């Protein structure tokens, strides 16, 4: 039981430092005040457990660094949602501790209030445009993995594949951004997103995906190895984005990840076969 108390104590002081740090980076005053209150609650919980353990515990430096890093990269929503999952584990710990320390149930109620307050305060711009980001990311992954696979066998020269893939990808990104702009213009009356911002998010997601996928063809001279690395990168991109969206939207990671990977790699396989057919029919030898 002493180990559980020390674990709770370390968890509370770590979260106190985390919330104190991010409160300084939150621009909205209402959101900042909520985070500052939570930081003080975490400190109060730490002092409570300190009286029971009689020991001074420092925050977990690795956990603190990890959460702050995620905050800088993915934003407050992702980290808050991720910490919610940890909070639920902490609540289970408090239920066990309440057999020895009845006040632990009060800590549990505070943790539940923290979840509700954090969920209510979240108003991050990137989440409003998640649909536009998904559109650009998905379309680039499906179209470009297929195009690169087909070009690899049809051309067989990495620099030519990279150049063709880049031109194809950039042209498609402008087309997709324009389509998203027009689509949002039509639906503007029923939504909260700005058409131009929606188009920009779609364009950026598309271009970044294009650059990631053609990079192996610029660094690796063997076309098939470059294609393999490119496909591996596409799976990595899908994994990172799917994990982000599954946390922020409370959805299933496994289902969405397998669906996106199956579509992207399936299209790549079909396009590779098409490249073989085109090369044999037209006798391309570059």
C-alpha atoms as a PDB file:
ATOM      1  CA  UNK A   1       0.000   0.000   0.000  1.00  0.00           C
ATOM      2  CA  UNK A   2       2.932   2.349   0.708  1.00  0.00           C
ATOM      3  CA  UNK A   3       4.066   1.865  -2.876  1.00  0.00           C
ATOM      4  CA  UNK A   4       0.631   2.947  -4.126  1.00  0.00           C
ATOM      5  CA  UNK A   5       0.797   6.091  -1.966  1.00  0.00           C
ATOM      6  CA  UNK A   6       4.222   7.025  -3.318  1.00  0.00           C
ATOM      7  CA  UNK A   7       3.040   6.352  -6.863  1.00  0.00           C
ATOM      8  CA  UNK A   8       0.026   8.642  -6.364  1.00  0.00           C
ATOM      9  CA  UNK A   9       2.250  11.290  -4.791  1.00  0.00           C
ATOM     10  CA  UNK A  10       4.696  11.259  -7.712  1.00  0.00           C
ATOM     11  CA  UNK A  11       1.853  11.331 -10.231  1.00  0.00           C
ATOM     12  CA  UNK A  12       0.271  14.389  -8.573  1.00  0.00           C
ATOM     13  CA  UNK A  13       3.488  16.451  -8.422  1.00  0.00           C
ATOM     14  CA  UNK A  14       4.361  15.531 -12.021  1.00  0.00           C
ATOM     15  CA  UNK A  15       0.965  16.681 -13.252  1.00  0.00           C
ATOM     16  CA  UNK A  16       1.213  19.837 -11.127  1.00  0.00           C
ATOM     17  CA  UNK A  17       4.448  20.796 -12.894  1.00  0.00           C
ATOM     18  CA  UNK A  18       2.978  19.905 -16.289  1.00  0.00           C
ATOM     19  CA  UNK A  19      -0.194  21.972 -15.890  1.00  0.00           C
ATOM     20  CA  UNK A  20       1.810  24.870 -14.430  1.00  0.00           C
ATOM     21  CA  UNK A  21       4.083  24.867 -17.476  1.00  0.00           C
ATOM     22  CA  UNK A  22       1.387  24.663 -20.139  1.00  0.00           C
ATOM     23  CA  UNK A  23      -0.781  27.311 -18.435  1.00  0.00           C
ATOM     24  CA  UNK A  24       1.885  29.848 -19.422  1.00  0.00           C
ATOM     25  CA  UNK A  25       1.570  28.823 -23.070  1.00  0.00           C
ATOM     26  CA  UNK A  26      -2.252  28.975 -23.258  1.00  0.00           C
ATOM     27  CA  UNK A  27      -3.383  32.308 -24.703  1.00  0.00           C
ATOM     28  CA  UNK A  28      -7.083  32.148 -23.827  1.00  0.00           C
ATOM     29  CA  UNK A  29      -7.525  33.620 -20.314  1.00  0.00           C
ATOM     30  CA  UNK A  30     -10.499  31.422 -19.405  1.00  0.00           C
ATOM     31  CA  UNK A  31      -8.672  28.266 -20.437  1.00  0.00           C
ATOM     32  CA  UNK A  32      -5.559  29.429 -18.607  1.00  0.00           C
ATOM     33  CA  UNK A  33      -7.469  29.971 -15.354  1.00  0.00           C
ATOM     34  CA  UNK A  34      -8.932  26.461 -15.558  1.00  0.00           C
ATOM     35  CA  UNK A  35      -5.488  24.921 -16.065  1.00  0.00           C
ATOM     36  CA  UNK A  36      -4.006  26.994 -13.223  1.00  0.00           C
ATOM     37  CA  UNK A  37      -6.760  25.803 -10.874  1.00  0.00           C
ATOM     38  CA  UNK A  38      -6.098  22.192 -11.849  1.00  0.00           C
ATOM     39  CA  UNK A  39      -2.370  22.732 -11.239  1.00  0.00           C
ATOM     40  CA  UNK A  40      -3.136  23.964  -7.723  1.00  0.00           C
ATOM     41  CA  UNK A  41      -5.451  21.012  -7.095  1.00  0.00           C
ATOM     42  CA  UNK A  42      -2.690  18.634  -8.135  1.00  0.00           C
ATOM     43  CA  UNK A  43      -0.315  20.366  -5.709  1.00  0.00           C
ATOM     44  CA  UNK A  44      -2.899  20.052  -2.930  1.00  0.00           C
ATOM     45  CA  UNK A  45      -3.242  16.342  -3.672  1.00  0.00           C
ATOM     46  CA  UNK A  46       0.540  15.997  -3.573  1.00  0.00           C
ATOM     47  CA  UNK A  47       0.705  17.631  -0.138  1.00  0.00           C
ATOM     48  CA  UNK A  48      -2.061  15.320   1.081  1.00  0.00           C
ATOM     49  CA  UNK A  49      -0.163  12.186   0.073  1.00  0.00           C
ATOM     50  CA  UNK A  50       3.072  13.661   1.410  1.00  0.00           C
ATOM     51  CA  UNK A  51       1.539  13.840   4.891  1.00  0.00           C
ATOM     52  CA  UNK A  52       0.706  10.130   4.656  1.00  0.00           C
ATOM     53  CA  UNK A  53       4.027   8.989   3.188  1.00  0.00           C
ATOM     54  CA  UNK A  54       6.240  11.345   5.162  1.00  0.00           C
ATOM     55  CA  UNK A  55       8.558  11.516   2.170  1.00  0.00           C
ATOM     56  CA  UNK A  56       9.507  14.198  -0.346  1.00  0.00           C
ATOM     57  CA  UNK A  57       8.959  13.018  -3.921  1.00  0.00           C
ATOM     58  CA  UNK A  58      10.187  14.791  -7.034  1.00  0.00           C
ATOM     59  CA  UNK A  59       8.259  14.788 -10.329  1.00  0.00           C
ATOM     60  CA  UNK A  60       8.974  12.092 -12.873  1.00  0.00           C
ATOM     61  CA  UNK A  61      11.393  13.923 -15.255  1.00  0.00           C
ATOM     62  CA  UNK A  62      10.858  11.544 -18.161  1.00  0.00           C
ATOM     63  CA  UNK A  63       7.068  11.674 -17.956  1.00  0.00           C
ATOM     64  CA  UNK A  64       7.133  15.458 -17.588  1.00  0.00           C
ATOM     65  CA  UNK A  65       9.484  15.888 -20.558  1.00  0.00           C
ATOM     66  CA  UNK A  66       7.430  13.438 -22.633  1.00  0.00           C
ATOM     67  CA  UNK A  67       4.117  15.231 -22.025  1.00  0.00           C
ATOM     68  CA  UNK A  68       5.626  18.671 -22.627  1.00  0.00           C
ATOM     69  CA  UNK A  69       7.165  17.437 -25.873  1.00  0.00           C
ATOM     70  CA  UNK A  70       3.815  16.035 -27.026  1.00  0.00           C
ATOM     71  CA  UNK A  71       2.177  19.332 -26.084  1.00  0.00           C
ATOM     72  CA  UNK A  72       4.598  21.245 -28.310  1.00  0.00           C
ATOM     73  CA  UNK A  73       4.182  18.865 -31.238  1.00  0.00           C
ATOM     74  CA  UNK A  74       0.521  17.846 -31.144  1.00  0.00           C
ATOM     75  CA  UNK A  75      -1.128  20.573 -29.080  1.00  0.00           C
ATOM     76  CA  UNK A  76      -3.079  20.675 -25.865  1.00  0.00           C
ATOM     77  CA  UNK A  77      -6.008  18.535 -26.996  1.00  0.00           C
ATOM     78  CA  UNK A  78      -3.931  15.460 -27.737  1.00  0.00           C
ATOM     79  CA  UNK A  79      -1.990  15.622 -24.464  1.00  0.00           C
ATOM     80  CA  UNK A  80      -5.084  16.278 -22.376  1.00  0.00           C
ATOM     81  CA  UNK A  81      -6.901  13.327 -23.913  1.00  0.00           C
ATOM     82  CA  UNK A  82      -3.857  11.130 -23.421  1.00  0.00           C
ATOM     83  CA  UNK A  83      -3.600  12.178 -19.788  1.00  0.00           C
ATOM     84  CA  UNK A  84      -7.291  11.430 -19.319  1.00  0.00           C
ATOM     85  CA  UNK A  85      -6.503   7.795 -19.917  1.00  0.00           C
ATOM     86  CA  UNK A  86      -3.821   7.980 -17.252  1.00  0.00           C
ATOM     87  CA  UNK A  87      -6.296   9.688 -14.926  1.00  0.00           C
ATOM     88  CA  UNK A  88      -8.620   6.702 -15.212  1.00  0.00           C
ATOM     89  CA  UNK A  89      -5.795   4.424 -14.120  1.00  0.00           C
ATOM     90  CA  UNK A  90      -5.122   6.797 -11.225  1.00  0.00           C
ATOM     91  CA  UNK A  91      -8.786   6.618 -10.191  1.00  0.00           C
ATOM     92  CA  UNK A  92      -8.529   2.837  -9.927  1.00  0.00           C
ATOM     93  CA  UNK A  93      -5.490   3.345  -7.697  1.00  0.00           C
ATOM     94  CA  UNK A  94      -7.438   5.776  -5.504  1.00  0.00           C
ATOM     95  CA  UNK A  95     -10.259   3.291  -5.089  1.00  0.00           C
ATOM     96  CA  UNK A  96      -7.754   0.775  -3.761  1.00  0.00           C
ATOM     97  CA  UNK A  97      -6.139   3.372  -1.494  1.00  0.00           C
ATOM     98  CA  UNK A  98      -9.518   4.422  -0.073  1.00  0.00           C
ATOM     99  CA  UNK A  99      -9.596   1.207   1.948  1.00  0.00           C
ATOM    100  CA  UNK A 100      -6.734   2.634   3.987  1.00  0.00           C
ATOM    101  CA  UNK A 101      -7.277   6.364   3.401  1.00  0.00           C
ATOM    102  CA  UNK A 102     -11.002   7.241   3.001  1.00  0.00           C
ATOM    103  CA  UNK A 103     -10.118  10.745   1.734  1.00  0.00           C
ATOM    104  CA  UNK A 104      -8.782   9.116  -1.414  1.00  0.00           C
ATOM    105  CA  UNK A 105     -12.349   9.066  -2.732  1.00  0.00           C
ATOM    106  CA  UNK A 106     -12.337  12.869  -2.634  1.00  0.00           C
ATOM    107  CA  UNK A 107      -9.226  12.792  -4.796  1.00  0.00           C
ATOM    108  CA  UNK A 108     -11.067  10.564  -7.227  1.00  0.00           C
ATOM    109  CA  UNK A 109     -13.920  13.056  -7.489  1.00  0.00           C
ATOM    110  CA  UNK A 110     -11.408  15.833  -8.170  1.00  0.00           C
ATOM    111  CA  UNK A 111      -9.861  13.794 -10.952  1.00  0.00           C
ATOM    112  CA  UNK A 112     -13.288  13.325 -12.554  1.00  0.00           C
ATOM    113  CA  UNK A 113     -13.913  17.073 -12.340  1.00  0.00           C
ATOM    114  CA  UNK A 114     -10.545  17.656 -14.007  1.00  0.00           C
ATOM    115  CA  UNK A 115     -11.578  15.524 -16.951  1.00  0.00           C
ATOM    116  CA  UNK A 116     -14.874  17.365 -17.376  1.00  0.00           C
ATOM    117  CA  UNK A 117     -13.233  20.796 -17.079  1.00  0.00           C
ATOM    118  CA  UNK A 118     -10.498  19.945 -19.557  1.00  0.00           C
ATOM    119  CA  UNK A 119     -12.884  18.502 -22.124  1.00  0.00           C
ATOM    120  CA  UNK A 120     -15.126  21.560 -21.871  1.00  0.00           C
ATOM    121  CA  UNK A 121     -12.251  24.041 -22.234  1.00  0.00           C
ATOM    122  CA  UNK A 122     -10.736  22.523 -25.367  1.00  0.00           C
ATOM    123  CA  UNK A 123     -11.283  24.693 -28.411  1.00  0.00           C
ATOM    124  CA  UNK A 124      -8.264  24.033 -30.602  1.00  0.00           C
ATOM    125  CA  UNK A 125      -8.388  25.311 -34.171  1.00  0.00           C
ATOM    126  CA  UNK A 126      -6.745  22.275 -35.738  1.00  0.00           C
ATOM    127  CA  UNK A 127      -9.596  20.059 -34.487  1.00  0.00           C
ATOM    128  CA  UNK A 128     -12.144  22.196 -36.313  1.00  0.00           C
ATOM    129  CA  UNK A 129     -10.290  21.456 -39.531  1.00  0.00           C
ATOM    130  CA  UNK A 130      -9.613  17.790 -38.863  1.00  0.00           C
ATOM    131  CA  UNK A 131     -11.843  16.823 -41.794  1.00  0.00           C
ATOM    132  CA  UNK A 132      -9.771  18.985 -44.160  1.00  0.00           C
ATOM    133  CA  UNK A 133      -6.513  17.510 -42.839  1.00  0.00           C
ATOM    134  CA  UNK A 134      -7.859  13.976 -43.238  1.00  0.00           C
ATOM    135  CA  UNK A 135      -8.934  14.785 -46.785  1.00  0.00           C
ATOM    136  CA  UNK A 136      -5.474  16.006 -47.802  1.00  0.00           C
ATOM    137  CA  UNK A 137      -3.630  13.231 -45.980  1.00  0.00           C
ATOM    138  CA  UNK A 138      -5.788  10.358 -47.190  1.00  0.00           C
ATOM    139  CA  UNK A 139      -5.923  11.543 -50.781  1.00  0.00           C
ATOM    140  CA  UNK A 140      -2.161  12.076 -50.964  1.00  0.00           C
ATOM    141  CA  UNK A 141      -1.411   8.685 -49.415  1.00  0.00           C
ATOM    142  CA  UNK A 142      -3.778   6.784 -51.691  1.00  0.00           C
ATOM    143  CA  UNK A 143      -2.948   8.618 -54.911  1.00  0.00           C
ATOM    144  CA  UNK A 144       0.783   9.067 -54.494  1.00  0.00           C
ATOM    145  CA  UNK A 145       1.634   5.607 -53.136  1.00  0.00           C
ATOM    146  CA  UNK A 146      -0.179   4.209 -56.150  1.00  0.00           C
ATOM    147  CA  UNK A 147       1.496   6.634 -58.562  1.00  0.00           C
ATOM    148  CA  UNK A 148       4.976   6.009 -57.155  1.00  0.00           C
ATOM    149  CA  UNK A 149       4.501   2.254 -57.308  1.00  0.00           C
ATOM    150  CA  UNK A 150       3.413   2.454 -60.941  1.00  0.00           C
ATOM    151  CA  UNK A 151       6.195   4.893 -61.863  1.00  0.00           C
ATOM    152  CA  UNK A 152       8.816   2.721 -60.180  1.00  0.00           C
ATOM    153  CA  UNK A 153       8.316  -0.168 -62.546  1.00  0.00           C
ATOM    154  CA  UNK A 154       7.432   1.951 -65.570  1.00  0.00           C
ATOM    155  CA  UNK A 155      10.525   4.207 -65.320  1.00  0.00           C
ATOM    156  CA  UNK A 156      12.987   2.469 -63.002  1.00  0.00           C
ATOM    157  CA  UNK A 157      15.047   5.638 -62.410  1.00  0.00           C
ATOM    158  CA  UNK A 158      14.727   7.260 -58.971  1.00  0.00           C
ATOM    159  CA  UNK A 159      15.346  10.875 -60.004  1.00  0.00           C
ATOM    160  CA  UNK A 160      12.729  10.647 -62.749  1.00  0.00           C
ATOM    161  CA  UNK A 161      10.277   8.939 -60.400  1.00  0.00           C
ATOM    162  CA  UNK A 162      10.827  11.652 -57.761  1.00  0.00           C
ATOM    163  CA  UNK A 163      10.403  14.493 -60.282  1.00  0.00           C
ATOM    164  CA  UNK A 164       7.260  12.985 -61.796  1.00  0.00           C
ATOM    165  CA  UNK A 165       5.837  12.173 -58.382  1.00  0.00           C
ATOM    166  CA  UNK A 166       6.536  15.699 -57.144  1.00  0.00           C
ATOM    167  CA  UNK A 167       4.869  17.357 -60.130  1.00  0.00           C
ATOM    168  CA  UNK A 168       1.902  15.007 -59.893  1.00  0.00           C
ATOM    169  CA  UNK A 169       1.585  15.530 -56.151  1.00  0.00           C
ATOM    170  CA  UNK A 170       1.821  19.330 -56.192  1.00  0.00           C
ATOM    171  CA  UNK A 171      -0.684  19.607 -59.049  1.00  0.00           C
ATOM    172  CA  UNK A 172      -3.055  17.295 -57.178  1.00  0.00           C
ATOM    173  CA  UNK A 173      -2.612  19.302 -53.955  1.00  0.00           C
ATOM    174  CA  UNK A 174      -3.736  22.511 -55.659  1.00  0.00           C
ATOM    175  CA  UNK A 175      -6.680  20.681 -57.204  1.00  0.00           C
ATOM    176  CA  UNK A 176      -7.698  19.143 -53.884  1.00  0.00           C
ATOM    177  CA  UNK A 177      -7.354  22.469 -52.031  1.00  0.00           C
ATOM    178  CA  UNK A 178      -9.541  24.194 -54.641  1.00  0.00           C
ATOM    179  CA  UNK A 179     -12.162  21.444 -54.339  1.00  0.00           C
ATOM    180  CA  UNK A 180     -12.156  21.766 -50.537  1.00  0.00           C
ATOM    181  CA  UNK A 181     -12.527  25.553 -50.795  1.00  0.00           C
ATOM    182  CA  UNK A 182     -15.537  25.286 -53.098  1.00  0.00           C
ATOM    183  CA  UNK A 183     -17.057  22.548 -50.954  1.00  0.00           C
ATOM    184  CA  UNK A 184     -16.739  24.632 -47.778  1.00  0.00           C
ATOM    185  CA  UNK A 185     -18.124  27.698 -49.556  1.00  0.00           C
ATOM    186  CA  UNK A 186     -21.277  25.762 -50.356  1.00  0.00           C
ATOM    187  CA  UNK A 187     -21.613  24.365 -46.814  1.00  0.00           C
ATOM    188  CA  UNK A 188     -20.514  27.539 -45.017  1.00  0.00           C
ATOM    189  CA  UNK A 189     -23.945  28.253 -43.633  1.00  0.00           C
ATOM    190  CA  UNK A 190     -24.029  25.023 -41.603  1.00  0.00           C
ATOM    191  CA  UNK A 191     -20.420  24.892 -40.376  1.00  0.00           C
ATOM    192  CA  UNK A 192     -17.929  26.761 -38.188  1.00  0.00           C
ATOM    193  CA  UNK A 193     -14.915  26.476 -40.481  1.00  0.00           C
ATOM    194  CA  UNK A 194     -13.542  29.102 -42.837  1.00  0.00           C
ATOM    195  CA  UNK A 195     -13.372  27.967 -46.512  1.00  0.00           C
ATOM    196  CA  UNK A 196      -9.927  29.448 -47.131  1.00  0.00           C
ATOM    197  CA  UNK A 197      -8.478  27.917 -43.947  1.00  0.00           C
ATOM    198  CA  UNK A 198     -10.021  24.562 -44.822  1.00  0.00           C
ATOM    199  CA  UNK A 199      -8.372  24.690 -48.240  1.00  0.00           C
ATOM    200  CA  UNK A 200      -5.043  25.682 -46.658  1.00  0.00           C
ATOM    201  CA  UNK A 201      -5.117  22.802 -44.161  1.00  0.00           C
ATOM    202  CA  UNK A 202      -5.911  20.372 -46.986  1.00  0.00           C
ATOM    203  CA  UNK A 203      -3.095  21.780 -49.127  1.00  0.00           C
ATOM    204  CA  UNK A 204      -0.494  21.654 -46.335  1.00  0.00           C
ATOM    205  CA  UNK A 205      -1.419  18.090 -45.351  1.00  0.00           C
ATOM    206  CA  UNK A 206      -1.218  16.999 -48.979  1.00  0.00           C
ATOM    207  CA  UNK A 207       2.131  18.690 -49.710  1.00  0.00           C
ATOM    208  CA  UNK A 208       3.815  17.421 -46.534  1.00  0.00           C
ATOM    209  CA  UNK A 209       2.704  13.883 -47.374  1.00  0.00           C
ATOM    210  CA  UNK A 210       4.009  14.259 -50.941  1.00  0.00           C
ATOM    211  CA  UNK A 211       7.414  15.448 -49.702  1.00  0.00           C
ATOM    212  CA  UNK A 212       7.665  12.569 -47.215  1.00  0.00           C
ATOM    213  CA  UNK A 213       6.834   9.946 -49.852  1.00  0.00           C
ATOM    214  CA  UNK A 214       9.185  11.164 -52.585  1.00  0.00           C
ATOM    215  CA  UNK A 215      12.123  11.777 -50.222  1.00  0.00           C
ATOM    216  CA  UNK A 216      13.404   8.152 -50.403  1.00  0.00           C
ATOM    217  CA  UNK A 217      13.665   8.424 -54.200  1.00  0.00           C
ATOM    218  CA  UNK A 218      15.966  11.435 -53.774  1.00  0.00           C
ATOM    219  CA  UNK A 219      18.192   9.720 -51.215  1.00  0.00           C
ATOM    220  CA  UNK A 220      18.269   6.120 -52.464  1.00  0.00           C
ATOM    221  CA  UNK A 221      19.505   5.161 -55.927  1.00  0.00           C
ATOM    222  CA  UNK A 222      17.884   1.718 -56.108  1.00  0.00           C
ATOM    223  CA  UNK A 223      14.237   2.242 -57.204  1.00  0.00           C
ATOM    224  CA  UNK A 224      12.720  -0.793 -55.499  1.00  0.00           C
ATOM    225  CA  UNK A 225      14.453  -0.118 -52.186  1.00  0.00           C
ATOM    226  CA  UNK A 226      13.307   3.512 -52.432  1.00  0.00           C
ATOM    227  CA  UNK A 227       9.752   2.338 -53.088  1.00  0.00           C
ATOM    228  CA  UNK A 228       9.887   0.018 -50.075  1.00  0.00           C
ATOM    229  CA  UNK A 229      11.099   2.847 -47.829  1.00  0.00           C
ATOM    230  CA  UNK A 230       8.432   5.160 -49.245  1.00  0.00           C
ATOM    231  CA  UNK A 231       5.690   2.632 -48.505  1.00  0.00           C
ATOM    232  CA  UNK A 232       7.113   2.137 -45.006  1.00  0.00           C
ATOM    233  CA  UNK A 233       6.976   5.907 -44.498  1.00  0.00           C
ATOM    234  CA  UNK A 234       3.361   5.952 -45.669  1.00  0.00           C
ATOM    235  CA  UNK A 235       2.503   3.340 -43.022  1.00  0.00           C
ATOM    236  CA  UNK A 236       4.363   5.428 -40.414  1.00  0.00           C
ATOM    237  CA  UNK A 237       2.469   8.586 -41.423  1.00  0.00           C
ATOM    238  CA  UNK A 238      -0.813   6.694 -41.234  1.00  0.00           C
ATOM    239  CA  UNK A 239       0.143   5.304 -37.825  1.00  0.00           C
ATOM    240  CA  UNK A 240       1.075   8.671 -36.322  1.00  0.00           C
ATOM    241  CA  UNK A 241      -1.947  10.506 -37.670  1.00  0.00           C
ATOM    242  CA  UNK A 242      -4.367   7.698 -36.823  1.00  0.00           C
ATOM    243  CA  UNK A 243      -3.054   7.564 -33.262  1.00  0.00           C
ATOM    244  CA  UNK A 244      -3.444  11.341 -32.960  1.00  0.00           C
ATOM    245  CA  UNK A 245      -7.008  11.327 -34.270  1.00  0.00           C
ATOM    246  CA  UNK A 246      -7.989   8.261 -32.228  1.00  0.00           C
ATOM    247  CA  UNK A 247      -6.872  10.017 -29.031  1.00  0.00           C
ATOM    248  CA  UNK A 248      -8.429  13.410 -29.788  1.00  0.00           C
ATOM    249  CA  UNK A 249     -11.681  11.951 -31.149  1.00  0.00           C
ATOM    250  CA  UNK A 250     -11.976   8.943 -28.812  1.00  0.00           C
ATOM    251  CA  UNK A 251     -12.154   6.542 -31.747  1.00  0.00           C
ATOM    252  CA  UNK A 252     -10.705   3.108 -32.473  1.00  0.00           C
ATOM    253  CA  UNK A 253      -7.038   3.243 -33.517  1.00  0.00           C
ATOM    254  CA  UNK A 254      -6.782  -0.325 -34.785  1.00  0.00           C
ATOM    255  CA  UNK A 255      -9.842  -0.207 -37.032  1.00  0.00           C
ATOM    256  CA  UNK A 256      -8.972   3.101 -38.678  1.00  0.00           C
ATOM    257  CA  UNK A 257      -5.272   2.245 -39.029  1.00  0.00           C
ATOM    258  CA  UNK A 258      -5.906  -1.106 -40.718  1.00  0.00           C
ATOM    259  CA  UNK A 259      -8.474   0.476 -43.019  1.00  0.00           C
ATOM    260  CA  UNK A 260      -6.139   3.252 -44.193  1.00  0.00           C
ATOM    261  CA  UNK A 261      -3.133   0.933 -44.584  1.00  0.00           C
ATOM    262  CA  UNK A 262      -5.172  -1.596 -46.557  1.00  0.00           C
ATOM    263  CA  UNK A 263      -6.446   1.060 -48.950  1.00  0.00           C
ATOM    264  CA  UNK A 264      -3.063   2.763 -49.483  1.00  0.00           C
ATOM    265  CA  UNK A 265      -1.041  -0.424 -49.937  1.00  0.00           C
ATOM    266  CA  UNK A 266      -3.807  -2.041 -51.978  1.00  0.00           C
ATOM    267  CA  UNK A 267      -3.827   0.862 -54.433  1.00  0.00           C
ATOM    268  CA  UNK A 268      -0.009   0.770 -54.521  1.00  0.00           C
ATOM    269  CA  UNK A 269      -0.089  -2.942 -55.430  1.00  0.00           C
ATOM    270  CA  UNK A 270      -2.619  -2.411 -58.200  1.00  0.00           C
ATOM    271  CA  UNK A 271      -0.639   0.532 -59.588  1.00  0.00           C
ATOM    272  CA  UNK A 272       2.593  -1.446 -59.503  1.00  0.00           C
ATOM    273  CA  UNK A 273       0.879  -4.133 -61.584  1.00  0.00           C
ATOM    274  CA  UNK A 274      -0.359  -1.445 -63.967  1.00  0.00           C
ATOM    275  CA  UNK A 275       3.207  -0.154 -64.297  1.00  0.00           C
ATOM    276  CA  UNK A 276       4.393  -3.647 -65.220  1.00  0.00           C
ATOM    277  CA  UNK A 277       1.661  -3.879 -67.855  1.00  0.00           C
ATOM    278  CA  UNK A 278       2.397  -0.426 -69.322  1.00  0.00           C
ATOM    279  CA  UNK A 279       6.129  -1.111 -69.508  1.00  0.00           C
ATOM    280  CA  UNK A 280       5.595  -4.429 -71.281  1.00  0.00           C
ATOM    281  CA  UNK A 281       2.983  -3.126 -73.741  1.00  0.00           C
ATOM    282  CA  UNK A 282       4.796   0.096 -74.704  1.00  0.00           C
ATOM    283  CA  UNK A 283       8.300  -1.270 -74.308  1.00  0.00           C
ATOM    284  CA  UNK A 284       9.427   1.565 -72.046  1.00  0.00           C
ATOM    285  CA  UNK A 285      13.105   1.348 -71.140  1.00  0.00           C
ATOM    286  CA  UNK A 286      14.435   4.444 -69.467  1.00  0.00           C
END
